[in-house]
N, C-alpha and C. Protein backbone atom coordinates (compact mmCIF):
# COMPACT_ATOMS: atom_id res chain seq x y z
N MET A 1 8.94 -8.89 15.98
CA MET A 1 9.79 -10.07 16.08
C MET A 1 9.60 -10.73 17.44
N GLU A 2 9.60 -9.91 18.49
CA GLU A 2 9.43 -10.43 19.85
C GLU A 2 8.11 -11.17 19.99
N THR A 3 7.06 -10.62 19.38
CA THR A 3 5.75 -11.24 19.48
C THR A 3 5.75 -12.63 18.84
N ALA A 4 6.33 -12.75 17.66
CA ALA A 4 6.38 -14.03 16.96
C ALA A 4 7.19 -15.06 17.74
N GLU A 5 8.26 -14.61 18.39
CA GLU A 5 9.10 -15.53 19.17
C GLU A 5 8.38 -15.99 20.43
N ASN A 6 7.67 -15.08 21.07
CA ASN A 6 7.00 -15.40 22.33
C ASN A 6 5.63 -16.05 22.16
N PHE A 7 5.01 -15.84 21.03
CA PHE A 7 3.65 -16.36 20.79
C PHE A 7 3.58 -17.01 19.40
N PRO A 8 4.38 -18.05 19.16
CA PRO A 8 4.44 -18.61 17.79
C PRO A 8 3.12 -19.20 17.31
N GLU A 9 2.38 -19.88 18.18
CA GLU A 9 1.11 -20.49 17.74
C GLU A 9 0.08 -19.43 17.41
N GLU A 10 -0.03 -18.44 18.28
CA GLU A 10 -1.02 -17.38 18.07
C GLU A 10 -0.69 -16.58 16.80
N CYS A 11 0.58 -16.23 16.65
CA CYS A 11 0.99 -15.49 15.45
C CYS A 11 0.80 -16.34 14.20
N GLY A 12 1.07 -17.61 14.30
CA GLY A 12 0.86 -18.52 13.17
C GLY A 12 -0.60 -18.56 12.75
N TYR A 13 -1.50 -18.57 13.72
CA TYR A 13 -2.93 -18.57 13.43
C TYR A 13 -3.33 -17.30 12.68
N VAL A 14 -2.90 -16.16 13.20
CA VAL A 14 -3.23 -14.88 12.57
C VAL A 14 -2.65 -14.81 11.16
N LEU A 15 -1.39 -15.20 11.02
CA LEU A 15 -0.75 -15.15 9.70
C LEU A 15 -1.41 -16.09 8.70
N LYS A 16 -1.86 -17.23 9.17
CA LYS A 16 -2.56 -18.18 8.29
C LYS A 16 -3.85 -17.57 7.77
N LEU A 17 -4.64 -16.97 8.67
CA LEU A 17 -5.91 -16.37 8.24
C LEU A 17 -5.65 -15.21 7.27
N LEU A 18 -4.73 -14.34 7.61
CA LEU A 18 -4.44 -13.21 6.74
C LEU A 18 -3.82 -13.68 5.42
N GLY A 19 -3.02 -14.72 5.48
CA GLY A 19 -2.45 -15.30 4.26
C GLY A 19 -3.54 -15.80 3.33
N ASP A 20 -4.58 -16.40 3.90
CA ASP A 20 -5.70 -16.88 3.08
C ASP A 20 -6.45 -15.71 2.44
N VAL A 21 -6.57 -14.60 3.15
CA VAL A 21 -7.21 -13.41 2.58
C VAL A 21 -6.39 -12.90 1.40
N TYR A 22 -5.07 -12.84 1.56
CA TYR A 22 -4.21 -12.39 0.46
C TYR A 22 -4.24 -13.38 -0.70
N LYS A 23 -4.36 -14.67 -0.42
CA LYS A 23 -4.51 -15.66 -1.50
C LYS A 23 -5.79 -15.40 -2.27
N ASN A 24 -6.88 -15.09 -1.54
CA ASN A 24 -8.14 -14.76 -2.22
C ASN A 24 -7.95 -13.56 -3.14
N ASP A 25 -7.23 -12.56 -2.67
CA ASP A 25 -7.01 -11.37 -3.49
C ASP A 25 -6.18 -11.71 -4.72
N ALA A 26 -5.20 -12.60 -4.55
CA ALA A 26 -4.37 -13.02 -5.68
C ALA A 26 -5.23 -13.75 -6.72
N VAL A 27 -6.17 -14.57 -6.25
CA VAL A 27 -7.08 -15.27 -7.16
C VAL A 27 -7.93 -14.25 -7.92
N ALA A 28 -8.43 -13.26 -7.21
CA ALA A 28 -9.24 -12.22 -7.85
C ALA A 28 -8.44 -11.49 -8.92
N LYS A 29 -7.19 -11.14 -8.60
CA LYS A 29 -6.34 -10.45 -9.58
C LYS A 29 -6.06 -11.33 -10.78
N LYS A 30 -5.76 -12.60 -10.53
CA LYS A 30 -5.45 -13.52 -11.62
C LYS A 30 -6.65 -13.69 -12.55
N ARG A 31 -7.84 -13.70 -11.97
CA ARG A 31 -9.06 -13.84 -12.78
C ARG A 31 -9.52 -12.52 -13.38
N GLY A 32 -8.86 -11.43 -13.03
CA GLY A 32 -9.26 -10.12 -13.55
C GLY A 32 -10.52 -9.58 -12.91
N ILE A 33 -10.79 -10.02 -11.69
CA ILE A 33 -11.99 -9.58 -10.98
C ILE A 33 -11.71 -8.23 -10.34
N GLU A 34 -12.57 -7.26 -10.60
CA GLU A 34 -12.40 -5.91 -10.07
C GLU A 34 -13.73 -5.35 -9.61
N GLY A 35 -13.65 -4.20 -8.95
CA GLY A 35 -14.83 -3.43 -8.58
C GLY A 35 -15.79 -4.19 -7.68
N ALA A 36 -17.07 -4.07 -8.02
CA ALA A 36 -18.13 -4.67 -7.20
C ALA A 36 -18.03 -6.20 -7.17
N VAL A 37 -17.56 -6.79 -8.27
CA VAL A 37 -17.43 -8.25 -8.31
C VAL A 37 -16.34 -8.70 -7.34
N ARG A 38 -15.22 -7.95 -7.30
CA ARG A 38 -14.15 -8.25 -6.35
C ARG A 38 -14.65 -8.08 -4.92
N LEU A 39 -15.43 -7.03 -4.69
CA LEU A 39 -16.00 -6.80 -3.35
C LEU A 39 -16.85 -7.99 -2.92
N HIS A 40 -17.72 -8.44 -3.79
CA HIS A 40 -18.58 -9.59 -3.47
C HIS A 40 -17.74 -10.85 -3.25
N PHE A 41 -16.73 -11.04 -4.09
CA PHE A 41 -15.82 -12.18 -3.97
C PHE A 41 -15.18 -12.19 -2.58
N HIS A 42 -14.66 -11.03 -2.15
CA HIS A 42 -14.04 -10.96 -0.82
C HIS A 42 -15.07 -11.10 0.30
N GLN A 43 -16.24 -10.55 0.11
CA GLN A 43 -17.27 -10.69 1.14
C GLN A 43 -17.60 -12.16 1.37
N GLU A 44 -17.67 -12.93 0.29
CA GLU A 44 -17.99 -14.35 0.41
C GLU A 44 -16.82 -15.18 0.94
N ARG A 45 -15.61 -14.92 0.43
CA ARG A 45 -14.47 -15.76 0.77
C ARG A 45 -13.63 -15.23 1.93
N SER A 46 -13.40 -13.93 1.97
CA SER A 46 -12.54 -13.36 3.00
C SER A 46 -13.31 -12.88 4.21
N GLY A 47 -14.58 -12.53 4.01
CA GLY A 47 -15.41 -12.06 5.12
C GLY A 47 -15.44 -13.03 6.29
N PRO A 48 -15.75 -14.31 6.05
CA PRO A 48 -15.76 -15.27 7.16
C PRO A 48 -14.39 -15.41 7.83
N LEU A 49 -13.32 -15.33 7.06
CA LEU A 49 -11.97 -15.41 7.65
C LEU A 49 -11.73 -14.24 8.59
N MET A 50 -12.11 -13.05 8.14
CA MET A 50 -11.91 -11.86 8.97
C MET A 50 -12.83 -11.90 10.20
N GLN A 51 -14.04 -12.42 10.05
CA GLN A 51 -14.93 -12.57 11.21
C GLN A 51 -14.33 -13.53 12.23
N ASN A 52 -13.76 -14.63 11.75
CA ASN A 52 -13.10 -15.58 12.64
C ASN A 52 -11.93 -14.93 13.37
N LEU A 53 -11.15 -14.14 12.63
CA LEU A 53 -10.01 -13.46 13.25
C LEU A 53 -10.48 -12.48 14.31
N HIS A 54 -11.52 -11.71 14.02
CA HIS A 54 -12.04 -10.74 14.98
C HIS A 54 -12.54 -11.45 16.24
N ALA A 55 -13.29 -12.51 16.05
CA ALA A 55 -13.81 -13.27 17.20
C ALA A 55 -12.66 -13.87 18.01
N TRP A 56 -11.67 -14.40 17.33
CA TRP A 56 -10.51 -14.99 18.02
C TRP A 56 -9.79 -13.94 18.85
N MET A 57 -9.58 -12.76 18.27
CA MET A 57 -8.87 -11.69 19.00
C MET A 57 -9.65 -11.26 20.23
N GLN A 58 -10.95 -11.10 20.09
CA GLN A 58 -11.77 -10.72 21.24
C GLN A 58 -11.74 -11.81 22.31
N ALA A 59 -11.75 -13.06 21.89
CA ALA A 59 -11.71 -14.18 22.84
C ALA A 59 -10.40 -14.22 23.61
N GLN A 60 -9.32 -13.78 22.99
CA GLN A 60 -8.03 -13.80 23.69
C GLN A 60 -8.09 -12.97 24.97
N PHE A 61 -8.80 -11.85 24.91
CA PHE A 61 -8.95 -10.99 26.09
C PHE A 61 -10.06 -11.49 26.99
N ALA A 62 -11.21 -11.85 26.39
CA ALA A 62 -12.37 -12.27 27.18
C ALA A 62 -12.06 -13.52 28.00
N GLU A 63 -11.31 -14.44 27.43
CA GLU A 63 -10.99 -15.69 28.12
C GLU A 63 -9.64 -15.61 28.84
N ARG A 64 -9.08 -14.42 28.90
CA ARG A 64 -7.81 -14.16 29.59
C ARG A 64 -6.68 -15.09 29.13
N LYS A 65 -6.63 -15.30 27.83
CA LYS A 65 -5.57 -16.12 27.25
C LYS A 65 -4.31 -15.32 26.99
N VAL A 66 -4.45 -14.00 26.97
CA VAL A 66 -3.31 -13.13 26.70
C VAL A 66 -3.41 -11.90 27.60
N GLU A 67 -2.27 -11.47 28.06
CA GLU A 67 -2.20 -10.25 28.88
C GLU A 67 -2.32 -9.05 27.95
N PRO A 68 -3.18 -8.11 28.28
CA PRO A 68 -3.34 -6.93 27.42
C PRO A 68 -2.06 -6.12 27.23
N ASN A 69 -1.15 -6.15 28.21
CA ASN A 69 0.07 -5.36 28.09
C ASN A 69 1.25 -6.15 27.50
N SER A 70 1.02 -7.40 27.10
CA SER A 70 2.07 -8.18 26.43
C SER A 70 2.19 -7.71 24.99
N SER A 71 3.24 -8.12 24.30
CA SER A 71 3.40 -7.70 22.90
C SER A 71 2.25 -8.23 22.03
N LEU A 72 1.78 -9.44 22.32
CA LEU A 72 0.63 -9.97 21.58
C LEU A 72 -0.63 -9.18 21.93
N GLY A 73 -0.82 -8.87 23.20
CA GLY A 73 -1.98 -8.09 23.61
C GLY A 73 -1.99 -6.72 22.94
N GLU A 74 -0.83 -6.09 22.86
CA GLU A 74 -0.74 -4.79 22.21
C GLU A 74 -1.05 -4.89 20.72
N ALA A 75 -0.55 -5.95 20.08
CA ALA A 75 -0.82 -6.15 18.66
C ALA A 75 -2.32 -6.38 18.41
N ILE A 76 -2.93 -7.18 19.27
CA ILE A 76 -4.37 -7.44 19.13
C ILE A 76 -5.17 -6.17 19.37
N ARG A 77 -4.80 -5.41 20.40
CA ARG A 77 -5.49 -4.14 20.67
C ARG A 77 -5.38 -3.20 19.48
N TYR A 78 -4.20 -3.15 18.88
CA TYR A 78 -3.98 -2.29 17.71
C TYR A 78 -4.92 -2.71 16.58
N MET A 79 -4.97 -4.01 16.30
CA MET A 79 -5.82 -4.48 15.21
C MET A 79 -7.30 -4.22 15.50
N LEU A 80 -7.71 -4.45 16.73
CA LEU A 80 -9.11 -4.19 17.08
C LEU A 80 -9.44 -2.70 16.98
N LYS A 81 -8.51 -1.86 17.40
CA LYS A 81 -8.72 -0.41 17.34
C LYS A 81 -8.88 0.05 15.89
N HIS A 82 -8.16 -0.58 14.97
CA HIS A 82 -8.18 -0.18 13.55
C HIS A 82 -8.99 -1.15 12.70
N TRP A 83 -9.86 -1.92 13.30
CA TRP A 83 -10.59 -2.96 12.59
C TRP A 83 -11.40 -2.41 11.42
N LYS A 84 -12.06 -1.28 11.61
CA LYS A 84 -12.89 -0.71 10.55
C LYS A 84 -12.04 -0.42 9.31
N ALA A 85 -10.87 0.17 9.51
CA ALA A 85 -9.98 0.47 8.37
C ALA A 85 -9.39 -0.81 7.79
N LEU A 86 -9.07 -1.78 8.64
CA LEU A 86 -8.46 -3.03 8.17
C LEU A 86 -9.43 -3.86 7.33
N THR A 87 -10.71 -3.65 7.52
CA THR A 87 -11.71 -4.44 6.79
C THR A 87 -12.46 -3.61 5.75
N LEU A 88 -11.93 -2.46 5.40
CA LEU A 88 -12.58 -1.61 4.39
C LEU A 88 -12.78 -2.36 3.08
N PHE A 89 -11.84 -3.24 2.74
CA PHE A 89 -11.94 -4.00 1.49
C PHE A 89 -13.17 -4.89 1.45
N LEU A 90 -13.82 -5.11 2.60
CA LEU A 90 -15.05 -5.92 2.65
C LEU A 90 -16.31 -5.05 2.53
N ARG A 91 -16.11 -3.72 2.50
CA ARG A 91 -17.26 -2.81 2.43
C ARG A 91 -17.23 -1.88 1.23
N LYS A 92 -16.06 -1.62 0.68
CA LYS A 92 -15.93 -0.64 -0.40
C LYS A 92 -15.23 -1.27 -1.60
N ALA A 93 -15.90 -1.19 -2.74
CA ALA A 93 -15.33 -1.74 -3.97
C ALA A 93 -14.03 -1.00 -4.29
N GLY A 94 -13.00 -1.77 -4.65
CA GLY A 94 -11.72 -1.20 -5.05
C GLY A 94 -10.77 -0.89 -3.91
N ALA A 95 -11.22 -1.03 -2.66
CA ALA A 95 -10.34 -0.75 -1.53
C ALA A 95 -9.23 -1.81 -1.48
N PRO A 96 -7.98 -1.37 -1.31
CA PRO A 96 -6.89 -2.34 -1.24
C PRO A 96 -6.88 -3.07 0.10
N LEU A 97 -6.18 -4.20 0.14
CA LEU A 97 -6.07 -4.94 1.40
C LEU A 97 -5.18 -4.23 2.41
N ASP A 98 -4.23 -3.47 1.91
CA ASP A 98 -3.29 -2.81 2.81
C ASP A 98 -2.92 -1.46 2.23
N ASN A 99 -2.10 -0.73 2.95
CA ASN A 99 -1.65 0.58 2.48
C ASN A 99 -0.15 0.57 2.21
N ASN A 100 0.37 -0.56 1.75
CA ASN A 100 1.80 -0.67 1.49
C ASN A 100 2.29 0.36 0.47
N LEU A 101 1.46 0.66 -0.51
CA LEU A 101 1.84 1.65 -1.52
C LEU A 101 2.08 3.01 -0.86
N VAL A 102 1.19 3.38 0.05
CA VAL A 102 1.33 4.66 0.76
C VAL A 102 2.56 4.63 1.66
N GLU A 103 2.77 3.52 2.34
CA GLU A 103 3.93 3.43 3.23
C GLU A 103 5.24 3.54 2.45
N ARG A 104 5.29 2.93 1.27
CA ARG A 104 6.50 3.06 0.44
C ARG A 104 6.71 4.50 0.01
N ALA A 105 5.61 5.19 -0.33
CA ALA A 105 5.72 6.60 -0.73
C ALA A 105 6.22 7.45 0.44
N LEU A 106 5.72 7.17 1.64
CA LEU A 106 6.17 7.92 2.81
C LEU A 106 7.65 7.67 3.09
N LYS A 107 8.09 6.44 2.94
CA LYS A 107 9.51 6.14 3.16
C LYS A 107 10.37 6.91 2.16
N ARG A 108 9.89 6.98 0.92
CA ARG A 108 10.63 7.72 -0.10
C ARG A 108 10.70 9.20 0.27
N ALA A 109 9.59 9.75 0.75
CA ALA A 109 9.57 11.17 1.14
C ALA A 109 10.52 11.42 2.32
N ILE A 110 10.54 10.50 3.26
CA ILE A 110 11.44 10.65 4.41
C ILE A 110 12.89 10.58 3.97
N GLN A 111 13.20 9.66 3.08
CA GLN A 111 14.57 9.56 2.56
C GLN A 111 14.96 10.82 1.82
N HIS A 112 14.04 11.36 1.03
CA HIS A 112 14.32 12.59 0.30
C HIS A 112 14.55 13.75 1.27
N ARG A 113 13.76 13.80 2.34
CA ARG A 113 13.93 14.87 3.33
C ARG A 113 15.32 14.81 3.94
N LYS A 114 15.79 13.60 4.24
CA LYS A 114 17.15 13.45 4.78
C LYS A 114 18.19 13.92 3.76
N ASN A 115 18.00 13.53 2.51
CA ASN A 115 18.94 13.92 1.46
C ASN A 115 18.90 15.43 1.20
N SER A 116 17.76 16.06 1.44
CA SER A 116 17.61 17.48 1.18
C SER A 116 18.50 18.34 2.07
N LEU A 117 18.98 17.79 3.15
CA LEU A 117 19.87 18.54 4.03
C LEU A 117 21.15 18.96 3.31
N PHE A 118 21.46 18.30 2.22
CA PHE A 118 22.72 18.56 1.53
C PHE A 118 22.58 19.50 0.33
N TYR A 119 21.37 20.00 0.07
CA TYR A 119 21.21 21.00 -0.98
C TYR A 119 21.87 22.29 -0.52
N LYS A 120 22.48 23.00 -1.46
CA LYS A 120 23.18 24.23 -1.11
C LYS A 120 22.25 25.44 -1.01
N THR A 121 21.13 25.40 -1.76
CA THR A 121 20.21 26.54 -1.75
C THR A 121 18.77 26.05 -1.59
N ASP A 122 17.90 26.96 -1.20
CA ASP A 122 16.48 26.64 -1.12
C ASP A 122 15.92 26.31 -2.50
N GLN A 123 16.39 27.03 -3.52
CA GLN A 123 15.93 26.76 -4.88
C GLN A 123 16.35 25.36 -5.32
N GLY A 124 17.56 24.96 -4.98
CA GLY A 124 18.01 23.60 -5.30
C GLY A 124 17.13 22.56 -4.63
N ALA A 125 16.73 22.82 -3.38
CA ALA A 125 15.85 21.89 -2.67
C ALA A 125 14.48 21.83 -3.34
N ARG A 126 13.96 22.98 -3.78
CA ARG A 126 12.65 22.99 -4.45
C ARG A 126 12.71 22.19 -5.77
N VAL A 127 13.78 22.36 -6.50
CA VAL A 127 13.95 21.62 -7.76
C VAL A 127 14.05 20.12 -7.45
N GLY A 128 14.81 19.78 -6.41
CA GLY A 128 14.92 18.37 -6.01
C GLY A 128 13.56 17.80 -5.64
N ASP A 129 12.75 18.57 -4.91
CA ASP A 129 11.40 18.13 -4.55
C ASP A 129 10.55 17.88 -5.79
N LEU A 130 10.65 18.80 -6.74
CA LEU A 130 9.89 18.67 -7.98
C LEU A 130 10.27 17.39 -8.71
N TYR A 131 11.57 17.16 -8.86
CA TYR A 131 12.02 15.95 -9.57
C TYR A 131 11.63 14.67 -8.82
N MET A 132 11.76 14.67 -7.51
CA MET A 132 11.36 13.47 -6.76
C MET A 132 9.88 13.18 -6.95
N GLY A 133 9.06 14.24 -6.92
CA GLY A 133 7.62 14.05 -7.15
C GLY A 133 7.34 13.50 -8.53
N LEU A 134 8.01 14.04 -9.54
CA LEU A 134 7.82 13.55 -10.91
C LEU A 134 8.28 12.10 -11.06
N ILE A 135 9.44 11.79 -10.49
CA ILE A 135 9.97 10.43 -10.59
C ILE A 135 9.04 9.44 -9.93
N HIS A 136 8.57 9.77 -8.74
CA HIS A 136 7.68 8.85 -8.04
C HIS A 136 6.34 8.69 -8.78
N THR A 137 5.82 9.79 -9.31
CA THR A 137 4.57 9.72 -10.08
C THR A 137 4.75 8.85 -11.32
N CYS A 138 5.90 8.99 -11.97
CA CYS A 138 6.18 8.12 -13.12
C CYS A 138 6.16 6.65 -12.71
N GLU A 139 6.84 6.34 -11.62
CA GLU A 139 6.91 4.95 -11.16
C GLU A 139 5.53 4.41 -10.81
N LEU A 140 4.70 5.23 -10.19
CA LEU A 140 3.34 4.80 -9.84
C LEU A 140 2.49 4.54 -11.08
N ASN A 141 2.84 5.17 -12.18
CA ASN A 141 2.08 5.00 -13.41
C ASN A 141 2.74 4.07 -14.41
N GLY A 142 3.79 3.36 -13.97
CA GLY A 142 4.44 2.38 -14.84
C GLY A 142 5.22 3.02 -15.97
N VAL A 143 5.72 4.25 -15.76
CA VAL A 143 6.45 4.99 -16.78
C VAL A 143 7.92 5.08 -16.36
N ASP A 144 8.81 4.89 -17.31
CA ASP A 144 10.24 5.01 -17.03
C ASP A 144 10.55 6.49 -16.78
N PRO A 145 10.97 6.85 -15.57
CA PRO A 145 11.21 8.27 -15.25
C PRO A 145 12.26 8.92 -16.15
N PHE A 146 13.33 8.21 -16.46
CA PHE A 146 14.38 8.79 -17.30
C PHE A 146 13.83 9.09 -18.69
N ASP A 147 13.10 8.14 -19.26
CA ASP A 147 12.50 8.34 -20.57
C ASP A 147 11.52 9.51 -20.54
N TYR A 148 10.70 9.58 -19.49
CA TYR A 148 9.71 10.66 -19.36
C TYR A 148 10.39 12.02 -19.29
N LEU A 149 11.38 12.17 -18.41
CA LEU A 149 12.06 13.45 -18.26
C LEU A 149 12.83 13.83 -19.53
N THR A 150 13.39 12.84 -20.21
CA THR A 150 14.08 13.11 -21.48
C THR A 150 13.09 13.63 -22.52
N ARG A 151 11.93 12.99 -22.61
CA ARG A 151 10.91 13.43 -23.58
C ARG A 151 10.40 14.82 -23.26
N LEU A 152 10.30 15.17 -21.97
CA LEU A 152 9.89 16.52 -21.62
C LEU A 152 10.90 17.54 -22.15
N GLN A 153 12.18 17.23 -21.98
CA GLN A 153 13.23 18.14 -22.46
C GLN A 153 13.23 18.24 -23.98
N GLU A 154 13.05 17.12 -24.64
CA GLU A 154 13.07 17.10 -26.10
C GLU A 154 11.86 17.82 -26.71
N ASN A 155 10.80 17.92 -25.93
CA ASN A 155 9.55 18.51 -26.43
C ASN A 155 9.13 19.72 -25.60
N ALA A 156 10.08 20.53 -25.22
CA ALA A 156 9.82 21.65 -24.31
C ALA A 156 8.72 22.58 -24.81
N LYS A 157 8.71 22.89 -26.09
CA LYS A 157 7.72 23.83 -26.62
C LYS A 157 6.30 23.25 -26.53
N PRO A 158 6.06 22.01 -27.02
CA PRO A 158 4.71 21.43 -26.87
C PRO A 158 4.31 21.24 -25.40
N VAL A 159 5.29 20.96 -24.55
CA VAL A 159 4.99 20.79 -23.12
C VAL A 159 4.46 22.11 -22.56
N ARG A 160 5.10 23.22 -22.91
CA ARG A 160 4.65 24.53 -22.42
C ARG A 160 3.26 24.87 -22.94
N SER A 161 2.96 24.50 -24.18
CA SER A 161 1.66 24.88 -24.76
C SER A 161 0.52 23.97 -24.30
N ARG A 162 0.81 22.71 -24.01
CA ARG A 162 -0.23 21.75 -23.58
C ARG A 162 0.29 20.89 -22.43
N PRO A 163 0.53 21.47 -21.27
CA PRO A 163 1.17 20.71 -20.17
C PRO A 163 0.37 19.51 -19.69
N ARG A 164 -0.94 19.60 -19.72
CA ARG A 164 -1.75 18.47 -19.22
C ARG A 164 -1.54 17.20 -20.03
N GLN A 165 -1.28 17.36 -21.31
CA GLN A 165 -1.07 16.19 -22.17
C GLN A 165 0.27 15.51 -21.88
N TRP A 166 1.14 16.19 -21.14
CA TRP A 166 2.47 15.67 -20.88
C TRP A 166 2.63 15.19 -19.44
N LEU A 167 1.55 15.02 -18.71
CA LEU A 167 1.64 14.51 -17.35
C LEU A 167 2.01 13.02 -17.38
N PRO A 168 2.66 12.53 -16.33
CA PRO A 168 3.14 11.14 -16.36
C PRO A 168 2.07 10.10 -16.70
N TRP A 169 0.85 10.27 -16.23
CA TRP A 169 -0.17 9.26 -16.49
C TRP A 169 -0.66 9.30 -17.93
N ASN A 170 -0.27 10.32 -18.72
CA ASN A 170 -0.60 10.38 -20.14
C ASN A 170 0.56 9.91 -21.02
N HIS A 171 1.67 9.62 -20.40
CA HIS A 171 2.87 9.17 -21.11
C HIS A 171 2.75 7.67 -21.41
N PRO A 172 3.26 7.21 -22.55
CA PRO A 172 3.18 5.76 -22.84
C PRO A 172 3.87 4.94 -21.74
N ARG A 173 3.22 3.90 -21.34
CA ARG A 173 3.78 3.02 -20.31
C ARG A 173 4.92 2.19 -20.86
N ASP A 174 5.86 1.91 -19.98
CA ASP A 174 6.96 1.01 -20.30
C ASP A 174 6.45 -0.41 -20.01
N PRO A 175 6.33 -1.29 -21.03
CA PRO A 175 5.78 -2.63 -20.78
C PRO A 175 6.59 -3.42 -19.75
N ALA A 176 7.86 -3.09 -19.59
CA ALA A 176 8.68 -3.80 -18.60
C ALA A 176 8.50 -3.21 -17.21
N ARG A 177 7.71 -2.15 -17.08
CA ARG A 177 7.53 -1.46 -15.81
C ARG A 177 6.04 -1.25 -15.54
N PRO A 178 5.33 -2.33 -15.18
CA PRO A 178 3.89 -2.17 -14.94
C PRO A 178 3.65 -1.37 -13.66
N PRO A 179 2.51 -0.69 -13.57
CA PRO A 179 2.22 0.07 -12.36
C PRO A 179 2.06 -0.88 -11.17
N PRO A 180 2.40 -0.42 -9.96
CA PRO A 180 2.27 -1.30 -8.78
C PRO A 180 0.82 -1.58 -8.45
N GLY A 181 0.63 -2.60 -7.62
CA GLY A 181 -0.72 -2.89 -7.13
C GLY A 181 -1.27 -4.04 -7.78
């Protein structure tokens, strides 16, 4: 927040370029472009944008337009330090633009860890961990967790005999709950 308030033009420039990259990705998704075709699409359309951003960030330091220890300088240093990971989508087919999915999963795990303090027994905590893992896996696969867990209970015998067939990603998807991404 401080960076945006203190450096509105610079932040606006960065956000505009990154916004255009995300627009390109939205176009690719809308057209159903995936895999190697999506990679080529981003290399052609987003590659130059990312090259411009990289050159701009380096110029901020080279031309002494920003202090390295300012909030903008720290943000630029962070991006430059992680540039290879930030641009993986330009080198590897199927690589996402960001890791928001992972960050949401980590937040969920942290919240569960806080809630686990209130379990009365270690066994209760283990059961809670199991259910949280199942619920999150269901959500990642576009499956209604309540429906999935209910079906497991209703079909306990077949679940025990063929557990792999009853994993969340093999469960029918809920059309109102598409997988994220």
